[in-house]
Amino acid sequence: MSRVGKNPVVIPNGVDASIERQDFAVKGPLGEMRMTLVPEVEAKIEDARVVVRPRDASTRARAMWGMSRSLVASMVTGVSEGFTIDLEITGVGYRAQLEGNALKLQLGYSHDVLYPIPPGITIKCEKPTMIKISGADKQKVGQVAAQIRGNRRPDPYKAKGIRYAGERIRRKEGKKK
């Protein structure tokens, strides 16, 4: 029995949700999202809450129950509040800035790295060493953050590179004589 799936998803004020067969759609102040639920689960809207239930008692239906409820909850949170990931840049001369619809990263390579900003994502550089990625789709925000971080992952010897805010880098000891 899924412990996550038992909890209904509360729909906040200002968010409209609809279900047609297996298609779940939600619309809020930050955008609109759609998803097709797996056939093993069914969803209903009851008293401003989305309730997800398995269709039968099979192992796959119980596994998809919790996953589907989590995806629905992420969509509702995304269109109402949105998701944000902060990145920190550490290193001498390493910095980021916005240029049109691209993020320009200077990461110690011979050329600057230009990262095109995908639609539905907003990126802000409040400081040259801070990047704030936000959007309504949790998966897309995390994917963009991972791709930007992948341009210069944190070095375990000097801790230089791009890391998530609050991420702790395990330092390694250098060469000994």
N, C-alpha and C. Protein backbone atom coordinates (compact mmCIF):
# COMPACT_ATOMS: atom_id res chain seq x y z
N MET A 1 0.83 -1.18 0.00
CA MET A 1 0.00 0.00 0.00
C MET A 1 0.88 1.24 0.00
N SER A 2 0.58 2.19 -0.88
CA SER A 2 1.40 3.39 -0.99
C SER A 2 1.06 4.37 0.12
N ARG A 3 2.09 4.82 0.82
CA ARG A 3 1.87 5.83 1.85
C ARG A 3 1.75 7.21 1.23
N VAL A 4 2.46 7.42 0.13
CA VAL A 4 2.40 8.72 -0.55
C VAL A 4 1.07 8.87 -1.27
N GLY A 5 0.62 7.81 -1.94
CA GLY A 5 -0.59 7.88 -2.75
C GLY A 5 -1.87 8.10 -1.96
N LYS A 6 -1.87 7.73 -0.68
CA LYS A 6 -3.08 7.90 0.14
C LYS A 6 -3.45 9.36 0.35
N ASN A 7 -2.46 10.25 0.39
CA ASN A 7 -2.73 11.67 0.67
C ASN A 7 -3.27 12.36 -0.57
N PRO A 8 -4.39 13.06 -0.46
CA PRO A 8 -4.91 13.81 -1.60
C PRO A 8 -4.07 15.07 -1.84
N VAL A 9 -4.09 15.56 -3.07
CA VAL A 9 -3.38 16.77 -3.44
C VAL A 9 -4.35 17.94 -3.35
N VAL A 10 -4.06 18.90 -2.48
CA VAL A 10 -4.93 20.05 -2.29
C VAL A 10 -4.70 21.04 -3.43
N ILE A 11 -5.78 21.51 -4.04
CA ILE A 11 -5.68 22.50 -5.11
C ILE A 11 -5.85 23.88 -4.49
N PRO A 12 -4.80 24.73 -4.53
CA PRO A 12 -4.89 26.05 -3.91
C PRO A 12 -5.79 27.00 -4.71
N ASN A 13 -6.14 28.13 -4.10
CA ASN A 13 -6.95 29.14 -4.78
C ASN A 13 -6.18 29.69 -5.98
N GLY A 14 -6.89 29.96 -7.07
CA GLY A 14 -6.27 30.51 -8.26
C GLY A 14 -5.75 29.44 -9.21
N VAL A 15 -5.92 28.17 -8.87
CA VAL A 15 -5.46 27.07 -9.71
C VAL A 15 -6.68 26.27 -10.16
N ASP A 16 -6.78 26.02 -11.47
CA ASP A 16 -7.87 25.22 -12.03
C ASP A 16 -7.32 23.88 -12.48
N ALA A 17 -7.96 22.81 -12.05
CA ALA A 17 -7.54 21.46 -12.44
C ALA A 17 -8.71 20.75 -13.11
N SER A 18 -8.40 19.94 -14.13
CA SER A 18 -9.45 19.17 -14.80
C SER A 18 -8.89 17.81 -15.19
N ILE A 19 -9.81 16.83 -15.22
CA ILE A 19 -9.43 15.47 -15.60
C ILE A 19 -10.43 14.98 -16.65
N GLU A 20 -9.89 14.56 -17.80
CA GLU A 20 -10.70 13.95 -18.85
C GLU A 20 -10.08 12.60 -19.16
N ARG A 21 -10.78 11.55 -18.84
CA ARG A 21 -10.29 10.18 -18.94
C ARG A 21 -8.97 10.07 -18.17
N GLN A 22 -7.85 9.93 -18.85
CA GLN A 22 -6.55 9.81 -18.17
C GLN A 22 -5.70 11.07 -18.33
N ASP A 23 -6.26 12.13 -18.91
CA ASP A 23 -5.52 13.37 -19.12
C ASP A 23 -5.78 14.32 -17.96
N PHE A 24 -4.71 14.71 -17.26
CA PHE A 24 -4.80 15.65 -16.15
C PHE A 24 -4.22 16.97 -16.61
N ALA A 25 -4.99 18.05 -16.45
CA ALA A 25 -4.53 19.38 -16.83
C ALA A 25 -4.70 20.32 -15.65
N VAL A 26 -3.73 21.20 -15.48
CA VAL A 26 -3.77 22.17 -14.39
C VAL A 26 -3.31 23.51 -14.93
N LYS A 27 -4.00 24.57 -14.50
CA LYS A 27 -3.69 25.92 -14.98
C LYS A 27 -3.63 26.85 -13.78
N GLY A 28 -2.58 27.65 -13.71
CA GLY A 28 -2.40 28.56 -12.58
C GLY A 28 -1.72 29.84 -13.01
N PRO A 29 -1.33 30.67 -12.05
CA PRO A 29 -0.72 31.96 -12.38
C PRO A 29 0.63 31.83 -13.08
N LEU A 30 1.34 30.72 -12.92
CA LEU A 30 2.66 30.57 -13.53
C LEU A 30 2.66 29.75 -14.81
N GLY A 31 1.48 29.35 -15.27
CA GLY A 31 1.43 28.61 -16.53
C GLY A 31 0.40 27.50 -16.52
N GLU A 32 0.53 26.66 -17.53
CA GLU A 32 -0.41 25.56 -17.73
C GLU A 32 0.39 24.29 -18.02
N MET A 33 -0.02 23.18 -17.42
CA MET A 33 0.67 21.91 -17.63
C MET A 33 -0.34 20.80 -17.86
N ARG A 34 0.07 19.81 -18.66
CA ARG A 34 -0.77 18.66 -18.96
C ARG A 34 0.04 17.39 -18.79
N MET A 35 -0.66 16.30 -18.41
CA MET A 35 0.00 15.01 -18.26
C MET A 35 -1.03 13.91 -18.48
N THR A 36 -0.60 12.83 -19.08
CA THR A 36 -1.46 11.65 -19.23
C THR A 36 -1.07 10.66 -18.14
N LEU A 37 -2.03 10.31 -17.31
CA LEU A 37 -1.78 9.35 -16.23
C LEU A 37 -1.67 7.94 -16.80
N VAL A 38 -0.91 7.10 -16.12
CA VAL A 38 -0.77 5.71 -16.55
C VAL A 38 -2.11 5.00 -16.40
N PRO A 39 -2.37 3.97 -17.21
CA PRO A 39 -3.69 3.31 -17.15
C PRO A 39 -3.96 2.55 -15.85
N GLU A 40 -2.94 2.30 -15.05
CA GLU A 40 -3.15 1.53 -13.81
C GLU A 40 -3.77 2.35 -12.68
N VAL A 41 -3.84 3.69 -12.83
CA VAL A 41 -4.42 4.53 -11.78
C VAL A 41 -5.56 5.37 -12.34
N GLU A 42 -6.41 5.81 -11.44
CA GLU A 42 -7.49 6.73 -11.81
C GLU A 42 -7.45 7.92 -10.87
N ALA A 43 -7.84 9.08 -11.37
CA ALA A 43 -7.82 10.30 -10.55
C ALA A 43 -9.19 10.96 -10.63
N LYS A 44 -9.58 11.56 -9.51
CA LYS A 44 -10.85 12.29 -9.43
C LYS A 44 -10.63 13.56 -8.64
N ILE A 45 -11.42 14.58 -8.95
CA ILE A 45 -11.37 15.83 -8.19
C ILE A 45 -12.56 15.83 -7.23
N GLU A 46 -12.26 15.87 -5.92
CA GLU A 46 -13.29 15.86 -4.89
C GLU A 46 -12.99 16.97 -3.88
N ASP A 47 -13.89 17.92 -3.72
CA ASP A 47 -13.76 18.99 -2.73
C ASP A 47 -12.44 19.75 -2.84
N ALA A 48 -12.11 20.25 -4.02
CA ALA A 48 -10.87 21.02 -4.28
C ALA A 48 -9.63 20.21 -3.93
N ARG A 49 -9.71 18.90 -4.12
CA ARG A 49 -8.56 18.02 -3.91
C ARG A 49 -8.54 16.97 -5.01
N VAL A 50 -7.34 16.60 -5.43
CA VAL A 50 -7.19 15.53 -6.42
C VAL A 50 -6.86 14.25 -5.66
N VAL A 51 -7.68 13.23 -5.88
CA VAL A 51 -7.49 11.94 -5.22
C VAL A 51 -7.07 10.94 -6.29
N VAL A 52 -5.93 10.29 -6.08
CA VAL A 52 -5.42 9.29 -7.01
C VAL A 52 -5.56 7.92 -6.36
N ARG A 53 -6.12 6.95 -7.12
CA ARG A 53 -6.31 5.60 -6.59
C ARG A 53 -5.87 4.58 -7.64
N PRO A 54 -5.41 3.41 -7.19
CA PRO A 54 -5.08 2.35 -8.16
C PRO A 54 -6.36 1.70 -8.67
N ARG A 55 -6.34 1.21 -9.91
CA ARG A 55 -7.52 0.55 -10.47
C ARG A 55 -7.68 -0.87 -9.94
N ASP A 56 -6.56 -1.54 -9.65
CA ASP A 56 -6.63 -2.89 -9.09
C ASP A 56 -5.53 -3.06 -8.05
N ALA A 57 -5.34 -4.29 -7.57
CA ALA A 57 -4.38 -4.53 -6.49
C ALA A 57 -3.06 -5.10 -7.00
N SER A 58 -2.77 -4.93 -8.30
CA SER A 58 -1.52 -5.47 -8.83
C SER A 58 -0.31 -4.68 -8.30
N THR A 59 0.85 -5.30 -8.39
CA THR A 59 2.07 -4.66 -7.90
C THR A 59 2.38 -3.40 -8.70
N ARG A 60 2.22 -3.47 -10.01
CA ARG A 60 2.49 -2.29 -10.86
C ARG A 60 1.52 -1.16 -10.55
N ALA A 61 0.26 -1.47 -10.33
CA ALA A 61 -0.72 -0.42 -10.02
C ALA A 61 -0.38 0.27 -8.71
N ARG A 62 0.06 -0.48 -7.71
CA ARG A 62 0.43 0.13 -6.43
C ARG A 62 1.69 0.97 -6.58
N ALA A 63 2.63 0.52 -7.44
CA ALA A 63 3.85 1.28 -7.66
C ALA A 63 3.55 2.60 -8.40
N MET A 64 2.66 2.54 -9.37
CA MET A 64 2.32 3.73 -10.15
C MET A 64 1.44 4.70 -9.36
N TRP A 65 0.76 4.22 -8.34
CA TRP A 65 -0.12 5.03 -7.50
C TRP A 65 0.65 6.18 -6.86
N GLY A 66 1.70 5.88 -6.13
CA GLY A 66 2.49 6.90 -5.45
C GLY A 66 3.20 7.82 -6.42
N MET A 67 3.71 7.25 -7.52
CA MET A 67 4.40 8.06 -8.52
C MET A 67 3.44 9.06 -9.17
N SER A 68 2.27 8.60 -9.53
CA SER A 68 1.29 9.47 -10.18
C SER A 68 0.84 10.59 -9.25
N ARG A 69 0.65 10.27 -7.98
CA ARG A 69 0.26 11.29 -7.02
C ARG A 69 1.37 12.33 -6.86
N SER A 70 2.63 11.90 -6.85
CA SER A 70 3.75 12.83 -6.74
C SER A 70 3.85 13.74 -7.96
N LEU A 71 3.62 13.19 -9.15
CA LEU A 71 3.66 14.00 -10.37
C LEU A 71 2.53 15.03 -10.38
N VAL A 72 1.35 14.63 -9.95
CA VAL A 72 0.22 15.56 -9.88
C VAL A 72 0.52 16.68 -8.87
N ALA A 73 1.08 16.32 -7.71
CA ALA A 73 1.42 17.31 -6.69
C ALA A 73 2.48 18.28 -7.21
N SER A 74 3.46 17.79 -7.96
CA SER A 74 4.50 18.65 -8.52
C SER A 74 3.92 19.61 -9.54
N MET A 75 2.97 19.14 -10.33
CA MET A 75 2.34 20.02 -11.32
C MET A 75 1.55 21.13 -10.64
N VAL A 76 0.78 20.77 -9.61
CA VAL A 76 -0.03 21.77 -8.89
C VAL A 76 0.88 22.80 -8.23
N THR A 77 1.95 22.34 -7.58
CA THR A 77 2.89 23.26 -6.94
C THR A 77 3.60 24.12 -7.98
N GLY A 78 3.94 23.54 -9.12
CA GLY A 78 4.64 24.27 -10.17
C GLY A 78 3.85 25.43 -10.73
N VAL A 79 2.55 25.23 -11.01
CA VAL A 79 1.77 26.32 -11.60
C VAL A 79 1.32 27.34 -10.56
N SER A 80 1.38 26.97 -9.26
CA SER A 80 0.97 27.93 -8.24
C SER A 80 2.16 28.67 -7.64
N GLU A 81 3.24 27.96 -7.28
CA GLU A 81 4.39 28.59 -6.63
C GLU A 81 5.64 28.56 -7.51
N GLY A 82 5.83 27.52 -8.28
CA GLY A 82 7.02 27.36 -9.11
C GLY A 82 8.15 26.70 -8.33
N PHE A 83 9.20 26.34 -9.04
CA PHE A 83 10.37 25.70 -8.45
C PHE A 83 11.60 26.53 -8.76
N THR A 84 12.54 26.57 -7.81
CA THR A 84 13.75 27.35 -7.97
C THR A 84 14.96 26.54 -7.50
N ILE A 85 16.04 26.61 -8.28
CA ILE A 85 17.30 26.00 -7.88
C ILE A 85 18.38 27.08 -8.00
N ASP A 86 19.19 27.22 -6.96
CA ASP A 86 20.27 28.19 -6.95
C ASP A 86 21.59 27.47 -7.19
N LEU A 87 22.44 28.07 -8.03
CA LEU A 87 23.77 27.55 -8.29
C LEU A 87 24.80 28.59 -7.87
N GLU A 88 25.92 28.12 -7.34
CA GLU A 88 27.02 29.00 -6.94
C GLU A 88 28.23 28.68 -7.81
N ILE A 89 28.94 29.72 -8.22
CA ILE A 89 30.15 29.55 -9.01
C ILE A 89 31.33 29.93 -8.13
N THR A 90 32.30 29.03 -8.02
CA THR A 90 33.48 29.26 -7.20
C THR A 90 34.72 29.11 -8.07
N GLY A 91 35.60 30.08 -8.02
CA GLY A 91 36.85 30.01 -8.77
C GLY A 91 37.27 31.39 -9.23
N VAL A 92 38.56 31.61 -9.32
CA VAL A 92 39.08 32.91 -9.74
C VAL A 92 38.74 33.13 -11.22
N GLY A 93 38.04 34.22 -11.51
CA GLY A 93 37.68 34.54 -12.89
C GLY A 93 36.46 33.82 -13.41
N TYR A 94 35.85 32.95 -12.62
CA TYR A 94 34.65 32.24 -13.05
C TYR A 94 33.44 33.15 -12.81
N ARG A 95 32.62 33.33 -13.83
CA ARG A 95 31.42 34.15 -13.65
C ARG A 95 30.38 33.82 -14.73
N ALA A 96 29.17 34.32 -14.49
CA ALA A 96 28.06 34.11 -15.41
C ALA A 96 27.34 35.42 -15.63
N GLN A 97 26.77 35.57 -16.83
CA GLN A 97 25.94 36.73 -17.13
C GLN A 97 24.97 36.36 -18.23
N LEU A 98 23.87 37.10 -18.28
CA LEU A 98 22.85 36.86 -19.30
C LEU A 98 23.17 37.69 -20.53
N GLU A 99 23.06 37.06 -21.70
CA GLU A 99 23.24 37.76 -22.98
C GLU A 99 22.08 37.38 -23.87
N GLY A 100 21.08 38.24 -23.93
CA GLY A 100 19.90 37.94 -24.74
C GLY A 100 19.16 36.74 -24.17
N ASN A 101 19.00 35.70 -25.00
CA ASN A 101 18.31 34.49 -24.56
C ASN A 101 19.29 33.36 -24.28
N ALA A 102 20.48 33.72 -23.79
CA ALA A 102 21.50 32.72 -23.47
C ALA A 102 22.23 33.11 -22.20
N LEU A 103 22.78 32.12 -21.54
CA LEU A 103 23.58 32.33 -20.35
C LEU A 103 25.05 32.19 -20.75
N LYS A 104 25.82 33.23 -20.51
CA LYS A 104 27.25 33.22 -20.87
C LYS A 104 28.04 32.87 -19.62
N LEU A 105 28.78 31.78 -19.69
CA LEU A 105 29.56 31.29 -18.56
C LEU A 105 31.05 31.39 -18.89
N GLN A 106 31.80 32.02 -18.00
CA GLN A 106 33.25 32.07 -18.12
C GLN A 106 33.80 31.14 -17.04
N LEU A 107 34.32 29.98 -17.47
CA LEU A 107 34.66 28.92 -16.53
C LEU A 107 36.12 28.46 -16.64
N GLY A 108 36.99 29.32 -17.13
CA GLY A 108 38.39 28.95 -17.21
C GLY A 108 38.77 28.23 -18.48
N TYR A 109 37.84 28.06 -19.41
CA TYR A 109 38.17 27.47 -20.70
C TYR A 109 38.67 28.57 -21.63
N SER A 110 39.19 28.19 -22.79
CA SER A 110 39.71 29.19 -23.72
C SER A 110 38.58 30.05 -24.31
N HIS A 111 37.37 29.49 -24.41
CA HIS A 111 36.23 30.23 -24.93
C HIS A 111 35.11 30.22 -23.90
N ASP A 112 34.24 31.21 -23.98
CA ASP A 112 33.07 31.26 -23.09
C ASP A 112 32.07 30.18 -23.50
N VAL A 113 31.35 29.68 -22.52
CA VAL A 113 30.31 28.68 -22.77
C VAL A 113 28.98 29.42 -22.84
N LEU A 114 28.26 29.26 -23.97
CA LEU A 114 26.94 29.87 -24.13
C LEU A 114 25.90 28.77 -23.97
N TYR A 115 25.01 28.94 -22.99
CA TYR A 115 23.94 27.98 -22.74
C TYR A 115 22.62 28.62 -23.13
N PRO A 116 21.95 28.13 -24.20
CA PRO A 116 20.66 28.72 -24.58
C PRO A 116 19.59 28.38 -23.54
N ILE A 117 18.82 29.39 -23.14
CA ILE A 117 17.78 29.19 -22.13
C ILE A 117 16.55 28.59 -22.79
N PRO A 118 16.10 27.40 -22.35
CA PRO A 118 14.92 26.79 -22.96
C PRO A 118 13.63 27.53 -22.59
N PRO A 119 12.59 27.38 -23.40
CA PRO A 119 11.32 28.04 -23.07
C PRO A 119 10.72 27.46 -21.79
N GLY A 120 10.08 28.32 -21.01
CA GLY A 120 9.47 27.90 -19.76
C GLY A 120 10.40 28.01 -18.57
N ILE A 121 11.65 28.40 -18.79
CA ILE A 121 12.65 28.54 -17.74
C ILE A 121 13.11 29.99 -17.70
N THR A 122 13.24 30.54 -16.49
CA THR A 122 13.82 31.87 -16.34
C THR A 122 15.10 31.75 -15.52
N ILE A 123 16.12 32.44 -15.97
CA ILE A 123 17.41 32.43 -15.29
C ILE A 123 17.76 33.86 -14.93
N LYS A 124 18.20 34.05 -13.68
CA LYS A 124 18.64 35.36 -13.21
C LYS A 124 20.04 35.24 -12.65
N CYS A 125 20.85 36.25 -12.90
CA CYS A 125 22.20 36.33 -12.33
C CYS A 125 22.24 37.58 -11.46
N GLU A 126 21.92 37.41 -10.17
CA GLU A 126 21.92 38.56 -9.26
C GLU A 126 23.34 39.03 -8.99
N LYS A 127 24.27 38.10 -8.89
CA LYS A 127 25.69 38.38 -8.77
C LYS A 127 26.39 37.62 -9.89
N PRO A 128 27.59 37.98 -10.23
CA PRO A 128 28.30 37.21 -11.26
C PRO A 128 28.58 35.76 -10.86
N THR A 129 28.51 35.46 -9.57
CA THR A 129 28.80 34.10 -9.11
C THR A 129 27.56 33.36 -8.61
N MET A 130 26.38 33.89 -8.85
CA MET A 130 25.12 33.24 -8.43
C MET A 130 24.18 33.12 -9.63
N ILE A 131 23.61 31.95 -9.81
CA ILE A 131 22.64 31.71 -10.87
C ILE A 131 21.37 31.18 -10.22
N LYS A 132 20.24 31.80 -10.56
CA LYS A 132 18.94 31.37 -10.02
C LYS A 132 18.10 30.87 -11.19
N ILE A 133 17.73 29.58 -11.15
CA ILE A 133 16.95 28.95 -12.21
C ILE A 133 15.55 28.69 -11.66
N SER A 134 14.53 29.16 -12.37
CA SER A 134 13.17 28.94 -11.89
C SER A 134 12.23 28.63 -13.06
N GLY A 135 11.13 27.94 -12.72
CA GLY A 135 10.14 27.58 -13.71
C GLY A 135 9.03 26.77 -13.06
N ALA A 136 8.03 26.41 -13.86
CA ALA A 136 6.88 25.67 -13.34
C ALA A 136 7.09 24.16 -13.38
N ASP A 137 7.90 23.67 -14.31
CA ASP A 137 8.12 22.23 -14.47
C ASP A 137 9.33 21.80 -13.65
N LYS A 138 9.09 21.00 -12.63
CA LYS A 138 10.15 20.58 -11.71
C LYS A 138 11.26 19.80 -12.43
N GLN A 139 10.88 18.92 -13.33
CA GLN A 139 11.86 18.12 -14.05
C GLN A 139 12.73 18.99 -14.94
N LYS A 140 12.11 19.95 -15.63
CA LYS A 140 12.86 20.82 -16.54
C LYS A 140 13.83 21.72 -15.79
N VAL A 141 13.40 22.25 -14.64
CA VAL A 141 14.27 23.11 -13.83
C VAL A 141 15.48 22.32 -13.35
N GLY A 142 15.26 21.10 -12.87
CA GLY A 142 16.35 20.26 -12.42
C GLY A 142 17.29 19.86 -13.54
N GLN A 143 16.74 19.59 -14.72
CA GLN A 143 17.55 19.21 -15.88
C GLN A 143 18.44 20.37 -16.32
N VAL A 144 17.89 21.58 -16.37
CA VAL A 144 18.68 22.76 -16.76
C VAL A 144 19.79 23.01 -15.75
N ALA A 145 19.48 22.89 -14.46
CA ALA A 145 20.49 23.09 -13.43
C ALA A 145 21.61 22.06 -13.56
N ALA A 146 21.25 20.81 -13.84
CA ALA A 146 22.25 19.76 -13.98
C ALA A 146 23.13 19.99 -15.22
N GLN A 147 22.54 20.48 -16.31
CA GLN A 147 23.31 20.74 -17.52
C GLN A 147 24.28 21.90 -17.32
N ILE A 148 23.82 22.96 -16.64
CA ILE A 148 24.70 24.10 -16.37
C ILE A 148 25.83 23.66 -15.44
N ARG A 149 25.51 22.89 -14.41
CA ARG A 149 26.52 22.40 -13.47
C ARG A 149 27.51 21.48 -14.19
N GLY A 150 27.05 20.74 -15.18
CA GLY A 150 27.91 19.82 -15.92
C GLY A 150 28.98 20.50 -16.75
N ASN A 151 28.85 21.80 -17.02
CA ASN A 151 29.88 22.51 -17.77
C ASN A 151 31.19 22.61 -17.01
N ARG A 152 31.14 22.70 -15.69
CA ARG A 152 32.35 22.71 -14.85
C ARG A 152 31.94 22.21 -13.48
N ARG A 153 31.98 20.88 -13.32
CA ARG A 153 31.60 20.30 -12.04
C ARG A 153 32.62 20.65 -10.97
N PRO A 154 32.24 20.68 -9.70
CA PRO A 154 33.18 21.06 -8.64
C PRO A 154 34.37 20.11 -8.56
N ASP A 155 35.53 20.69 -8.47
CA ASP A 155 36.78 19.93 -8.37
C ASP A 155 36.99 19.50 -6.92
N PRO A 156 37.30 18.23 -6.64
CA PRO A 156 37.47 17.80 -5.25
C PRO A 156 38.76 18.30 -4.60
N TYR A 157 39.72 18.81 -5.39
CA TYR A 157 40.99 19.26 -4.82
C TYR A 157 40.97 20.74 -4.45
N LYS A 158 40.36 21.58 -5.30
CA LYS A 158 40.32 23.01 -5.01
C LYS A 158 38.89 23.53 -4.82
N ALA A 159 37.89 22.69 -5.03
CA ALA A 159 36.47 23.03 -4.90
C ALA A 159 36.05 24.14 -5.87
N LYS A 160 36.73 24.22 -7.03
CA LYS A 160 36.36 25.19 -8.05
C LYS A 160 35.30 24.59 -8.96
N GLY A 161 34.40 25.43 -9.44
CA GLY A 161 33.39 24.97 -10.39
C GLY A 161 32.01 25.46 -10.01
N ILE A 162 31.00 24.85 -10.60
CA ILE A 162 29.60 25.22 -10.36
C ILE A 162 28.99 24.17 -9.45
N ARG A 163 28.36 24.62 -8.37
CA ARG A 163 27.71 23.69 -7.45
C ARG A 163 26.35 24.23 -7.04
N TYR A 164 25.52 23.32 -6.55
CA TYR A 164 24.22 23.72 -6.03
C TYR A 164 24.43 24.52 -4.75
N ALA A 165 23.54 25.46 -4.47
CA ALA A 165 23.63 26.24 -3.24
C ALA A 165 23.48 25.30 -2.05
N GLY A 166 24.42 25.36 -1.13
CA GLY A 166 24.37 24.50 0.03
C GLY A 166 25.01 23.14 -0.17
N GLU A 167 25.46 22.84 -1.39
CA GLU A 167 26.12 21.55 -1.64
C GLU A 167 27.49 21.54 -0.98
N ARG A 168 27.81 20.46 -0.32
CA ARG A 168 29.09 20.34 0.37
C ARG A 168 30.00 19.46 -0.47
N ILE A 169 31.15 19.99 -0.82
CA ILE A 169 32.11 19.26 -1.63
C ILE A 169 33.12 18.58 -0.72
N ARG A 170 33.28 17.29 -0.86
CA ARG A 170 34.29 16.57 -0.07
C ARG A 170 35.64 16.84 -0.68
N ARG A 171 36.51 17.47 0.10
CA ARG A 171 37.84 17.84 -0.38
C ARG A 171 38.78 16.65 -0.25
N LYS A 172 39.67 16.54 -1.24
CA LYS A 172 40.71 15.51 -1.21
C LYS A 172 42.04 16.17 -0.89
N GLU A 173 42.91 15.42 -0.30
CA GLU A 173 44.23 15.91 0.01
C GLU A 173 45.09 15.86 -1.26
N GLY A 174 45.92 16.87 -1.45
CA GLY A 174 46.77 16.94 -2.63
C GLY A 174 47.98 16.04 -2.53
N LYS A 175 48.92 16.24 -3.47
CA LYS A 175 50.15 15.43 -3.47
C LYS A 175 51.01 15.72 -2.26
N LYS A 176 51.73 14.72 -1.82
CA LYS A 176 52.65 14.89 -0.72
C LYS A 176 54.06 14.70 -1.25
N LYS A 177 55.04 15.30 -0.58
CA LYS A 177 56.44 15.11 -1.01
C LYS A 177 57.00 13.85 -0.46
